[in-house]
């Protein structure tokens, strides 16, 4: 038994973990936007004397938008998915065959 070797495989190092059901560090922007939302509500309600319901609605916008972005474009998606999707929406498909314009680039017919 003295010749038995133990080798570390690092099999469990692939996971970035999760907090509140969000993968990796995705909870950080959600917590930051929640803190910002609370600050907005407090400033609107106490300093500017805006109605509490309107303050709550305006203050909830950063949190709701950030949480929606994280859940729709980051959670469970591959790295760079959100950037690739936005580039697709803005620039189109990139290098691809456009079947509607293929007739413009045909070889000229031989006169013979």
C-alpha atoms as a PDB file:
ATOM      1  CA  UNK A   1       0.000   0.000   0.000  1.00  0.00           C
ATOM      2  CA  UNK A   2       2.981   2.337   0.303  1.00  0.00           C
ATOM      3  CA  UNK A   3       3.257   2.690  -3.481  1.00  0.00           C
ATOM      4  CA  UNK A   4      -0.341   4.035  -3.826  1.00  0.00           C
ATOM      5  CA  UNK A   5      -0.344   7.636  -5.118  1.00  0.00           C
ATOM      6  CA  UNK A   6      -3.007  10.263  -4.496  1.00  0.00           C
ATOM      7  CA  UNK A   7      -3.536  12.692  -7.371  1.00  0.00           C
ATOM      8  CA  UNK A   8      -5.572  15.899  -7.117  1.00  0.00           C
ATOM      9  CA  UNK A   9      -7.885  16.153 -10.128  1.00  0.00           C
ATOM     10  CA  UNK A  10      -9.404  19.603  -9.454  1.00  0.00           C
ATOM     11  CA  UNK A  11     -12.772  18.138 -10.429  1.00  0.00           C
ATOM     12  CA  UNK A  12     -14.782  20.503  -8.247  1.00  0.00           C
ATOM     13  CA  UNK A  13     -13.063  23.737  -9.262  1.00  0.00           C
ATOM     14  CA  UNK A  14     -15.330  24.393 -12.269  1.00  0.00           C
ATOM     15  CA  UNK A  15     -18.265  25.796 -10.311  1.00  0.00           C
ATOM     16  CA  UNK A  16     -18.380  29.503  -9.516  1.00  0.00           C
ATOM     17  CA  UNK A  17     -21.012  28.830  -6.837  1.00  0.00           C
ATOM     18  CA  UNK A  18     -24.347  30.502  -6.427  1.00  0.00           C
ATOM     19  CA  UNK A  19     -25.926  33.055  -4.117  1.00  0.00           C
ATOM     20  CA  UNK A  20     -29.724  33.398  -3.881  1.00  0.00           C
ATOM     21  CA  UNK A  21     -30.037  31.128  -6.908  1.00  0.00           C
ATOM     22  CA  UNK A  22     -27.875  33.384  -9.094  1.00  0.00           C
ATOM     23  CA  UNK A  23     -24.742  31.874 -10.635  1.00  0.00           C
ATOM     24  CA  UNK A  24     -21.303  33.196  -9.745  1.00  0.00           C
ATOM     25  CA  UNK A  25     -21.134  36.883  -8.947  1.00  0.00           C
ATOM     26  CA  UNK A  26     -24.451  37.830 -10.556  1.00  0.00           C
ATOM     27  CA  UNK A  27     -25.848  38.792  -7.155  1.00  0.00           C
ATOM     28  CA  UNK A  28     -23.505  41.816  -6.914  1.00  0.00           C
ATOM     29  CA  UNK A  29     -25.303  44.055  -9.469  1.00  0.00           C
ATOM     30  CA  UNK A  30     -28.656  42.980  -8.010  1.00  0.00           C
ATOM     31  CA  UNK A  31     -27.595  43.952  -4.479  1.00  0.00           C
ATOM     32  CA  UNK A  32     -26.065  47.215  -5.730  1.00  0.00           C
ATOM     33  CA  UNK A  33     -29.255  48.137  -7.594  1.00  0.00           C
ATOM     34  CA  UNK A  34     -31.342  47.255  -4.534  1.00  0.00           C
ATOM     35  CA  UNK A  35     -29.218  49.618  -2.439  1.00  0.00           C
ATOM     36  CA  UNK A  36     -29.544  52.294  -5.117  1.00  0.00           C
ATOM     37  CA  UNK A  37     -33.298  51.795  -5.259  1.00  0.00           C
ATOM     38  CA  UNK A  38     -33.589  52.194  -1.500  1.00  0.00           C
ATOM     39  CA  UNK A  39     -31.519  55.373  -1.707  1.00  0.00           C
ATOM     40  CA  UNK A  40     -33.699  56.781  -4.483  1.00  0.00           C
ATOM     41  CA  UNK A  41     -36.880  56.048  -2.518  1.00  0.00           C
ATOM     42  CA  UNK A  42     -35.475  57.704   0.615  1.00  0.00           C
ATOM     43  CA  UNK A  43     -34.274  60.808  -1.240  1.00  0.00           C
ATOM     44  CA  UNK A  44     -37.507  61.234  -3.197  1.00  0.00           C
ATOM     45  CA  UNK A  45     -39.764  60.648  -0.203  1.00  0.00           C
ATOM     46  CA  UNK A  46     -37.897  62.528   2.521  1.00  0.00           C
ATOM     47  CA  UNK A  47     -35.918  65.235   0.719  1.00  0.00           C
ATOM     48  CA  UNK A  48     -38.256  66.096  -2.161  1.00  0.00           C
ATOM     49  CA  UNK A  49     -41.549  65.145  -0.442  1.00  0.00           C
ATOM     50  CA  UNK A  50     -42.789  63.057  -3.361  1.00  0.00           C
ATOM     51  CA  UNK A  51     -45.778  60.784  -2.616  1.00  0.00           C
ATOM     52  CA  UNK A  52     -44.641  57.449  -1.182  1.00  0.00           C
ATOM     53  CA  UNK A  53     -46.243  55.386  -3.955  1.00  0.00           C
ATOM     54  CA  UNK A  54     -44.581  57.382  -6.729  1.00  0.00           C
ATOM     55  CA  UNK A  55     -41.281  57.248  -4.823  1.00  0.00           C
ATOM     56  CA  UNK A  56     -41.576  53.474  -4.546  1.00  0.00           C
ATOM     57  CA  UNK A  57     -42.373  53.050  -8.245  1.00  0.00           C
ATOM     58  CA  UNK A  58     -39.511  55.288  -9.404  1.00  0.00           C
ATOM     59  CA  UNK A  59     -37.146  53.731  -6.879  1.00  0.00           C
ATOM     60  CA  UNK A  60     -38.026  50.183  -7.901  1.00  0.00           C
ATOM     61  CA  UNK A  61     -37.080  50.782 -11.540  1.00  0.00           C
ATOM     62  CA  UNK A  62     -33.296  50.260 -11.165  1.00  0.00           C
ATOM     63  CA  UNK A  63     -33.798  47.078  -9.162  1.00  0.00           C
ATOM     64  CA  UNK A  64     -36.417  45.635 -11.518  1.00  0.00           C
ATOM     65  CA  UNK A  65     -34.397  46.479 -14.632  1.00  0.00           C
ATOM     66  CA  UNK A  66     -31.178  45.034 -13.210  1.00  0.00           C
ATOM     67  CA  UNK A  67     -32.853  41.858 -11.981  1.00  0.00           C
ATOM     68  CA  UNK A  68     -34.608  41.420 -15.335  1.00  0.00           C
ATOM     69  CA  UNK A  69     -31.337  41.867 -17.217  1.00  0.00           C
ATOM     70  CA  UNK A  70     -29.552  39.343 -15.010  1.00  0.00           C
ATOM     71  CA  UNK A  71     -32.318  36.749 -15.233  1.00  0.00           C
ATOM     72  CA  UNK A  72     -32.975  37.139 -18.968  1.00  0.00           C
ATOM     73  CA  UNK A  73     -29.475  37.606 -20.363  1.00  0.00           C
ATOM     74  CA  UNK A  74     -26.963  36.266 -17.821  1.00  0.00           C
ATOM     75  CA  UNK A  75     -28.432  33.518 -15.605  1.00  0.00           C
ATOM     76  CA  UNK A  76     -27.797  30.072 -17.084  1.00  0.00           C
ATOM     77  CA  UNK A  77     -26.409  31.464 -20.335  1.00  0.00           C
ATOM     78  CA  UNK A  78     -22.882  30.997 -21.736  1.00  0.00           C
ATOM     79  CA  UNK A  79     -20.315  33.770 -21.218  1.00  0.00           C
ATOM     80  CA  UNK A  80     -20.789  36.643 -23.671  1.00  0.00           C
ATOM     81  CA  UNK A  81     -24.365  35.657 -24.561  1.00  0.00           C
ATOM     82  CA  UNK A  82     -25.771  39.095 -23.763  1.00  0.00           C
ATOM     83  CA  UNK A  83     -23.129  40.948 -25.785  1.00  0.00           C
ATOM     84  CA  UNK A  84     -23.516  38.601 -28.749  1.00  0.00           C
ATOM     85  CA  UNK A  85     -27.283  38.990 -28.675  1.00  0.00           C
ATOM     86  CA  UNK A  86     -27.093  42.795 -28.562  1.00  0.00           C
ATOM     87  CA  UNK A  87     -24.599  42.787 -31.461  1.00  0.00           C
ATOM     88  CA  UNK A  88     -26.970  40.566 -33.418  1.00  0.00           C
ATOM     89  CA  UNK A  89     -29.851  42.979 -32.785  1.00  0.00           C
ATOM     90  CA  UNK A  90     -27.802  46.046 -33.712  1.00  0.00           C
ATOM     91  CA  UNK A  91     -25.605  44.845 -36.586  1.00  0.00           C
ATOM     92  CA  UNK A  92     -27.582  41.971 -38.029  1.00  0.00           C
ATOM     93  CA  UNK A  93     -26.358  38.499 -38.860  1.00  0.00           C
ATOM     94  CA  UNK A  94     -22.843  39.500 -39.934  1.00  0.00           C
ATOM     95  CA  UNK A  95     -21.201  37.189 -42.443  1.00  0.00           C
ATOM     96  CA  UNK A  96     -23.984  35.115 -43.911  1.00  0.00           C
ATOM     97  CA  UNK A  97     -25.591  34.359 -47.239  1.00  0.00           C
ATOM     98  CA  UNK A  98     -28.446  36.679 -48.079  1.00  0.00           C
ATOM     99  CA  UNK A  99     -30.590  34.615 -50.417  1.00  0.00           C
ATOM    100  CA  UNK A 100     -32.559  37.656 -51.603  1.00  0.00           C
ATOM    101  CA  UNK A 101     -29.489  39.313 -53.115  1.00  0.00           C
ATOM    102  CA  UNK A 102     -27.760  36.260 -54.588  1.00  0.00           C
ATOM    103  CA  UNK A 103     -29.059  36.983 -58.085  1.00  0.00           C
ATOM    104  CA  UNK A 104     -27.053  40.226 -58.142  1.00  0.00           C
ATOM    105  CA  UNK A 105     -23.759  38.387 -57.844  1.00  0.00           C
ATOM    106  CA  UNK A 106     -24.174  35.638 -60.469  1.00  0.00           C
ATOM    107  CA  UNK A 107     -21.518  35.033 -63.091  1.00  0.00           C
ATOM    108  CA  UNK A 108     -22.237  36.774 -66.360  1.00  0.00           C
ATOM    109  CA  UNK A 109     -23.572  34.450 -69.029  1.00  0.00           C
ATOM    110  CA  UNK A 110     -21.312  33.542 -71.893  1.00  0.00           C
ATOM    111  CA  UNK A 111     -22.386  34.995 -75.265  1.00  0.00           C
ATOM    112  CA  UNK A 112     -21.747  31.640 -76.971  1.00  0.00           C
END
